[in-house]
Protein backbone atom coordinates (compact mmCIF):
# COMPACT_ATOMS: atom_id res chain seq x y z
CA MET A 1 91.01 108.39 89.27
CA ILE A 2 90.19 110.90 92.17
CA ASP A 3 87.23 112.22 90.37
CA LYS A 4 85.66 108.64 89.98
CA ILE A 5 86.20 108.06 93.53
CA GLU A 6 84.45 111.09 94.66
CA LYS A 7 81.47 110.33 92.18
CA LYS A 8 81.02 106.75 93.55
CA ASN A 9 81.31 107.39 97.31
CA SER A 10 83.69 104.28 97.55
CA LYS A 11 84.79 102.54 100.65
CA ILE A 12 88.45 103.13 100.89
CA MET A 13 91.06 101.11 102.69
CA ILE A 14 94.41 102.95 103.17
CA LEU A 15 97.23 100.35 104.25
CA GLY A 16 100.25 102.01 105.83
CA ALA A 17 98.42 105.21 106.84
CA THR A 18 100.76 106.38 109.50
CA GLY A 19 103.95 106.66 107.35
CA PHE A 20 104.58 109.86 105.25
CA ILE A 21 102.73 109.02 102.17
CA GLY A 22 99.78 106.97 103.72
CA LYS A 23 99.08 109.81 106.09
CA ASN A 24 98.82 112.70 103.61
CA ILE A 25 96.63 110.15 101.53
CA ALA A 26 94.40 109.27 104.59
CA LEU A 27 94.23 113.06 105.52
CA TYR A 28 93.19 114.00 102.01
CA PHE A 29 90.45 111.39 101.70
CA SER A 30 89.17 111.72 105.26
CA LYS A 31 87.95 115.26 104.31
CA LYS A 32 85.34 113.70 102.15
CA PHE A 33 84.78 110.36 103.37
CA LYS A 34 84.80 108.05 106.27
CA ILE A 35 87.80 105.54 105.38
CA LYS A 36 89.57 102.71 106.88
CA ALA A 37 93.37 102.86 107.63
CA THR A 38 95.95 100.34 108.97
CA TYR A 39 98.86 100.80 111.26
CA ASN A 40 101.46 98.59 113.00
CA LYS A 41 103.93 100.23 115.01
CA LYS A 42 103.60 103.73 114.74
CA VAL A 43 100.69 105.16 116.95
CA PRO A 44 97.79 106.56 114.64
CA PHE A 45 96.79 110.14 114.91
CA LYS A 46 93.43 111.25 115.67
CA ASN A 47 90.86 112.02 113.04
CA SER A 48 87.12 111.15 113.39
CA ASN A 49 86.56 109.96 109.81
CA ILE A 50 89.31 107.34 109.94
CA GLN A 51 88.69 103.83 111.39
CA TRP A 52 91.85 102.67 112.47
CA ILE A 53 92.89 98.78 112.12
CA LYS A 54 95.91 97.59 113.86
CA CYS A 55 97.34 95.03 111.57
CA ASP A 56 100.95 93.45 110.52
CA LEU A 57 100.53 92.75 107.10
CA LYS A 58 103.24 90.27 107.37
CA SER A 59 100.61 88.02 108.94
CA THR A 60 98.23 85.84 106.99
CA LYS A 61 95.92 85.86 110.14
CA GLN A 62 95.87 89.48 110.78
CA ILE A 63 95.14 90.43 107.03
CA ASN A 64 92.53 87.65 106.77
CA ASN A 65 88.90 89.66 105.75
CA LEU A 66 90.60 92.81 106.21
CA PHE A 67 89.20 93.92 102.88
CA ASN A 68 85.32 92.92 103.24
CA ASN A 69 83.33 95.78 102.29
CA ILE A 70 86.06 97.65 100.40
CA ASP A 71 86.09 98.91 97.17
CA ILE A 72 89.46 100.74 96.78
CA VAL A 73 92.75 99.60 98.60
CA ILE A 74 95.56 102.02 98.58
CA ASN A 75 98.75 100.52 99.58
CA ALA A 76 101.37 102.96 101.16
CA ALA A 77 102.70 100.27 103.55
CA ALA A 78 106.36 99.09 103.78
CA VAL A 79 108.91 97.71 106.17
CA THR A 80 111.83 100.32 106.05
CA SER A 81 114.42 101.88 108.41
CA GLY A 82 116.96 104.55 108.25
CA VAL A 83 118.80 105.99 105.32
CA LYS A 84 121.91 104.38 106.44
CA ASP A 85 120.34 100.83 106.22
CA ILE A 86 118.65 101.42 102.92
CA ILE A 87 122.24 102.52 101.43
CA ASP A 88 124.29 100.15 103.15
CA ARG A 89 122.05 97.16 103.36
CA PRO A 90 119.06 97.26 101.15
CA HIS A 91 118.39 93.76 101.13
CA ILE A 92 117.20 93.53 104.76
CA HIS A 93 113.78 94.72 103.86
CA VAL A 94 113.36 92.52 100.68
CA ASN A 95 111.65 89.55 102.54
CA ASP A 96 109.31 91.38 104.75
CA ASN A 97 108.15 93.69 101.86
CA ALA A 98 107.76 90.60 99.49
CA LEU A 99 105.69 88.81 102.15
CA MET A 100 103.48 91.60 102.91
CA ASN A 101 102.73 92.38 99.36
CA ILE A 102 101.95 88.65 98.62
CA ASN A 103 99.59 88.44 101.46
CA ILE A 104 97.69 91.60 100.59
CA LEU A 105 97.77 90.62 96.88
CA LYS A 106 96.35 87.13 97.92
CA GLU A 107 93.49 88.66 100.15
CA ILE A 108 92.55 91.24 97.25
CA PHE A 109 92.20 88.49 94.90
CA LYS A 110 89.98 86.24 97.23
CA ASN A 111 87.96 89.16 97.49
CA ASN A 112 85.84 90.12 94.54
CA ASN A 113 84.44 93.27 95.71
CA ILE A 114 87.59 95.33 95.09
CA LYS A 115 87.41 97.58 92.14
CA HIS A 116 91.08 99.14 92.37
CA TYR A 117 94.14 98.42 93.85
CA ILE A 118 96.62 101.31 94.18
CA PHE A 119 100.48 100.45 94.64
CA PHE A 120 103.27 102.77 94.96
């Protein structure tokens, strides 16, 4: 997959690019491409090849037109908290993550330009 991306010079959007997985993916692709990346609460890191977009992916208004002029969407976004919550009360993240992913998929479905959607 990465070989195809590199050959096509695709326009890439990374959702959740300030989290652990998203940040590493953004750093990798920003070495070769100018990319777009979203963040919500966590302050983005400085990188001249990343155009940062503040976006609450649970908000249909904020996600509207987010994927215009994008070929590939890599979704590393999630609502999460500490390990204790995940162990003792895993249900607290279900609604927010479900809503966020529904919004993302609806918007991608409306946009005919998206060639690939990668979700972990």
